[in-house]
């Protein structure tokens, strides 16, 4: 984005006073071109600045002439050209001052509006400054070469005139005549070279820092060609200056000569050592016995190693944090004493690619066999221990007069031996990449950082992992702050000035959970990356929101309104929160059990939402088919290519209200009882319906025939039934009402818990089996008689005779009690034998 595009959006009165001799219309015509010239760095009035200003004026005129062909107002453009030539040709430095003032005023107006200048603007300014400094250096070298050339010509002229008694040096004489001082010119040029070197080293540090931030997901311009060109340009100037200093050695004096050569060699050493760097970093979470790759590049290799016939070998060694610190403090020439790990295939030749003009060494099959752990400090865990890969080589320049030991240290690496350490290792790497300072002592990093920086880091990581352009929103940061600081009472403004510690990030377990903040957040990253990328990019997922705030949002929403949020209690889960409203308008927010990545691979989130008819509108009021229609998978209908009928998996969810309603519905196939109709009561299974049939053969009456097959009874008894297996039901005589129902002491219905479990399936009037007294007067209950009620057979049979268990509250009679009951049944006058209608023994005497 150009500066002019931002300025043109400002109110005109903010910048109207900036354009005087240089009209605003001309500023608009030149727009981006004007900003891409080094106006602001021409600060002197010497010959170089004057020459550069004159070149800028000529380039401006040519730019305007190129605009006349496609411009609708060529006359206006030509008028601008004439004004520029007439006004500034004699004094181009005045044009430089005017344009510089305009650009500075525009930046001030933008900053006054609380706008930050884009990063591209600062990068362009740095490139313009270096380009101008390089031109100035080349101009200075040209001046020195011209001065020495004139000295040679003058020396030859003097020798031709045969003046042997000349007492003064021709160079010094020329210097006096021309007003130039060669030593001062050389000193000034070397100083400018040192300044340009600092710019190149700073730019290399910026590249390395951006490479480290790219480990967290930042955008990274990894092209090293521009930096290589800068290094090569400075090395070319170095060799030119070295030759000029050596040529003028006799006129400079030994002391000045040695100082100039020493400074020049320091420049070369700094450029050579800094241009050896890690182009492709090894993985920052490295598992032992796993192959990995890396590559290093020597930016000055194509220029300095052309004449070398000996191959340069690069070696990779594992070093601890302590060793890395010692190497940094001892300088790049300090050799490594001992490797802390064994790396296989750790030596590669440094090769130059003629097509790309790049000198690099690529390690394709390295493998860390083992690692020697160092002593950890305090409560530091294995996944907090940092090490690095050290790449080193020796290069010899020219005829062998200069040899350099080059070293390049990788970014911090956490070595793990098992996959379950990966999550915590990534936390260590993320923290180090985000909050380490440039030029630090390896691998020192702050223990506490501002919360705002943490938000930037989390957002960067989220967008990079999910590969989406939709980042986190302020309300998401608010929820994350509440989670990591364990508070629900603070406002968003309260977190602006707070700082978060490494312990809060990934050492302390969240209250009431079994995981840390980072472990939970990383689970969200993984789930979203694998299953929810398109939903998040379409802003269908609120995600980072608490369950309490969901209840507040959905509290006043219509029935069926829902939203999606990441599970707060599970790692890597997403849940659907929806509102259910009863007939009276009361609402209840329910959260469906969270879906994991495995669940969503079985059936996608969109299809699950389509399956649930109780979900109608995505919060606040968007119909779900409109919101998720593009995420539905096409259902396959009919037969497939092999002739098979297609099947599909559907998801259903029963809310508490649905479960309560379903509990009042009789089992399938059993009609609801009506007045005057025989209704079922819980009882034994069909094969247990006749108690005599269930007796052992020696206890049955003589001549007892095989009973007829009984009609089937339903088995669909809910799981809440007190019996281990659902018993069938025994018939109750027609016309029996609840008050007349005798509850004998030896009946399972006399147990209050069992009676309560029977209530949902009892007909109207039989649900009042409660120990609580009734307000109305109760009719007199006749004595219990076997002829008036068929009791459940479990009350008549001992446990060994039962095919299945009964409720724990049922008191089973002994064998003596069974015999007594059978005898009473035989002697009772007109008693109905214990059996079912249709039993062949029902009317016989025992």
Foldseek 3Di string as FASTA:
>chain_A
DFLVVVLVPDDCVLQVVLQDLNHPVNCVLCGPVLLLAQLPQLDDDDPLSQVSLLVVLVVSLVSLVVVLVPDPCNVVSVVVSVSSCVPPNVPSNVVSVSSNSSVVSSVVSCVVVVDDDDPVSVVSNLVNNLVSLLVVLVVLLVVLVVLVVVLVVVVVVCVVVPDPVDPDRSSVVVCVVVVHDNLVSLVVSLVSLVVSLVSLLVVLLVLVLLVLLVVLQDDHDLDCVVSLVSLVSSVVSLVSSLVSLVVCVVVQDPVSSVVSVVSSVVSVQSSQQSQWEWSAFWDQEAEAPDWTKTKIWGSCCLPFCPPPPDWKKKFKAKFFLVQQLVCLVVDFQDDRDDGQFDKPQGMFTFDADPVVRITMTMRGTIGTNDGHDDDDPDPDDLLLTWIWMKMWIWDAGDPRPDIDIHIYTHQIHRYDHDPVSVLSNVLNSLQQSQFADRPDRGRDGDQKDQLVSVQVSLQSNLCRLLVAPDTDDLVLSVLLCCFLVVDDPDDSVVRRGDMHGSCSQANDDGPPADGHSSQQSVLQSVLCNLANSVCVNLVQAPARDDPVVVCVQQQPADFQEWHKYADPHDRAWIWIWGWHADPVGGIDIDIPDTDHSVNCVQPNPLQQLVLEPRHAAYPPGHGSCVSSVVVDDDDDQQADPVRHGDDDDYDYDQDPVNVVVVLLDDDPPADADDAQDKDWDFAAAQVPQFVLSLDDPVPHDPPQDDWDRDDHFDQPDDPVQQFPGGGGTDIADHPDFQLQDDDDPQAPCLDVVNLCSRQSRDHPRNNPSDPDDDPDDGDDHDDDDCQRGQTHCQQQDDVVSDPGDGGPSHDHDDPVVNVVVLVVQLPDPPGFDRHDPRTPCRPPGD
